[in-house]
Amino acid sequence: MPARSRARKRALDILYESEMRGLSLGATLSHRMAMAEQPLNEYTVALVEGVIAHHDRIDELISTYSQGWTLERMPAVDRNVLRIGVYEVMYRDDVPDPVALDEAVSLARELSTEQSPTFVNGLLGRLVAVKPSLTL
């Protein structure tokens, strides 16, 4: 598995853990960094910090383009896969949009429900299509 794919998986673990434990993302990230036997991958940290920095806008975009699904109704894994995907699509110029989509779909396929890859692909695909007209 490529390094950035592993970093995305680790970032997803941190986002999911934070949500399940009811802790702030910053606290969960700090705890994971302190407890890690080896330093966390820089890209893992960048993803989590990016989601923290843009959390409200990311959740707004997910809510806007999810078509009939509220954030609360989505499986927690999907919600956090989408947060990473939206962050990469909207804020990471070094990640091509098709790569961000493919990586998010792969995580959903591996870790979530049977319908999740299609849902994640559809939402992020709509976001990519309207991205030029969006303001951050």
Protein backbone atom coordinates (compact mmCIF):
# COMPACT_ATOMS: atom_id res chain seq x y z
CA MET A 1 0.00 0.00 0.00
CA PRO A 2 1.47 3.38 -0.99
CA ALA A 3 2.55 5.75 1.79
CA ARG A 4 -0.20 8.32 1.15
CA SER A 5 -2.86 5.60 1.14
CA ARG A 6 -1.62 4.42 4.54
CA ALA A 7 -1.58 8.03 5.73
CA ARG A 8 -5.21 8.46 4.67
CA LYS A 9 -6.18 5.26 6.49
CA ARG A 10 -4.41 6.44 9.63
CA ALA A 11 -6.08 9.87 9.37
CA LEU A 12 -9.44 8.12 9.04
CA ASP A 13 -8.66 6.09 12.17
CA ILE A 14 -7.98 9.30 14.09
CA LEU A 15 -11.10 11.08 12.84
CA TYR A 16 -13.26 8.04 13.58
CA GLU A 17 -11.75 7.52 17.04
CA SER A 18 -12.28 11.17 17.90
CA GLU A 19 -15.92 11.00 16.90
CA MET A 20 -16.63 7.70 18.66
CA ARG A 21 -14.96 8.84 21.88
CA GLY A 22 -16.55 12.30 21.77
CA LEU A 23 -13.18 14.02 21.88
CA SER A 24 -11.89 16.96 19.89
CA LEU A 25 -9.85 16.09 16.84
CA GLY A 26 -6.95 18.11 18.19
CA ALA A 27 -6.92 16.17 21.44
CA THR A 28 -7.12 12.83 19.65
CA LEU A 29 -4.32 13.79 17.26
CA SER A 30 -2.11 14.98 20.13
CA HIS A 31 -2.78 11.77 22.05
CA ARG A 32 -1.97 9.60 19.03
CA MET A 33 1.22 11.56 18.38
CA ALA A 34 2.34 11.17 21.99
CA MET A 35 1.54 7.46 22.14
CA ALA A 36 2.96 6.42 18.76
CA GLU A 37 6.03 4.23 18.83
CA GLN A 38 7.10 5.89 15.60
CA PRO A 39 6.22 9.43 14.54
CA LEU A 40 2.98 9.71 12.61
CA ASN A 41 3.39 10.16 8.90
CA GLU A 42 3.53 13.87 8.01
CA TYR A 43 0.67 13.47 5.54
CA THR A 44 -1.52 11.86 8.22
CA VAL A 45 -0.96 14.87 10.45
CA ALA A 46 -1.54 17.28 7.54
CA LEU A 47 -4.87 15.59 6.70
CA VAL A 48 -6.16 15.68 10.27
CA GLU A 49 -4.99 19.25 10.80
CA GLY A 50 -6.57 20.25 7.49
CA VAL A 51 -9.91 18.71 8.45
CA ILE A 52 -9.68 20.52 11.81
CA ALA A 53 -8.89 23.86 10.16
CA HIS A 54 -11.71 23.62 7.61
CA HIS A 55 -14.20 21.44 9.53
CA ASP A 56 -17.22 23.75 9.29
CA ARG A 57 -16.84 24.39 5.55
CA ILE A 58 -16.14 20.71 4.85
CA ASP A 59 -19.27 19.61 6.72
CA GLU A 60 -21.28 22.32 4.96
CA LEU A 61 -20.15 21.02 1.57
CA ILE A 62 -20.91 17.42 2.51
CA SER A 63 -24.38 18.43 3.72
CA THR A 64 -25.05 20.46 0.58
CA TYR A 65 -24.04 17.75 -1.90
CA SER A 66 -25.18 14.60 -0.09
CA GLN A 67 -28.69 14.68 -1.63
CA GLY A 68 -31.08 13.36 0.96
CA TRP A 69 -28.60 12.33 3.63
CA THR A 70 -27.84 14.40 6.68
CA LEU A 71 -24.41 14.15 8.25
CA GLU A 72 -25.93 12.48 11.30
CA ARG A 73 -27.62 9.81 9.19
CA MET A 74 -24.43 8.78 7.36
CA PRO A 75 -22.34 5.94 8.71
CA ALA A 76 -19.49 7.43 10.76
CA VAL A 77 -16.88 5.87 8.48
CA ASP A 78 -18.47 7.45 5.39
CA ARG A 79 -18.74 10.83 7.07
CA ASN A 80 -15.05 10.82 7.93
CA VAL A 81 -13.92 9.39 4.58
CA LEU A 82 -15.84 12.25 2.98
CA ARG A 83 -14.18 14.81 5.27
CA ILE A 84 -10.77 13.64 4.12
CA GLY A 85 -11.89 13.52 0.47
CA VAL A 86 -13.44 16.99 0.56
CA TYR A 87 -10.33 18.39 2.24
CA GLU A 88 -8.09 16.92 -0.46
CA VAL A 89 -10.35 18.06 -3.31
CA MET A 90 -10.86 21.58 -2.03
CA TYR A 91 -7.63 22.43 -0.22
CA ARG A 92 -4.79 20.22 -1.48
CA ASP A 93 -3.45 21.39 -4.83
CA ASP A 94 -0.83 18.62 -4.73
CA VAL A 95 -3.52 15.90 -4.92
CA PRO A 96 -5.27 15.52 -8.29
CA ASP A 97 -9.05 15.33 -7.89
CA PRO A 98 -9.30 11.85 -9.48
CA VAL A 99 -6.74 10.55 -6.97
CA ALA A 100 -8.68 12.02 -4.03
CA LEU A 101 -11.88 10.42 -5.35
CA ASP A 102 -10.25 7.04 -5.95
CA GLU A 103 -8.62 6.97 -2.53
CA ALA A 104 -11.86 7.91 -0.75
CA VAL A 105 -13.82 5.27 -2.67
CA SER A 106 -11.15 2.67 -1.83
CA LEU A 107 -11.40 3.47 1.88
CA ALA A 108 -15.19 3.25 1.74
CA ARG A 109 -15.01 -0.06 -0.13
CA GLU A 110 -12.58 -1.51 2.39
CA LEU A 111 -14.13 -0.21 5.60
CA SER A 112 -17.80 0.63 5.17
CA THR A 113 -21.07 -0.65 3.75
CA GLU A 114 -21.75 -2.15 0.34
CA GLN A 115 -23.42 1.07 -0.83
CA SER A 116 -20.76 3.39 0.57
CA PRO A 117 -18.32 3.41 -2.38
CA THR A 118 -21.07 4.54 -4.76
CA PHE A 119 -22.30 7.18 -2.30
CA VAL A 120 -18.79 8.55 -1.67
CA ASN A 121 -17.97 8.57 -5.38
CA GLY A 122 -21.22 10.35 -6.25
CA LEU A 123 -20.87 13.05 -3.61
CA LEU A 124 -17.22 13.79 -4.31
CA GLY A 125 -17.86 13.64 -8.06
CA ARG A 126 -20.58 16.30 -7.74
CA LEU A 127 -18.23 18.42 -5.65
CA VAL A 128 -15.45 18.16 -8.23
CA ALA A 129 -17.89 19.15 -10.98
CA VAL A 130 -18.93 22.35 -9.19
CA LYS A 131 -15.55 23.08 -7.61
CA PRO A 132 -14.68 25.94 -10.01
CA SER A 133 -17.80 27.83 -8.93
CA LEU A 134 -17.26 27.35 -5.17
CA THR A 135 -15.60 29.78 -2.81
CA LEU A 136 -13.63 28.65 0.18
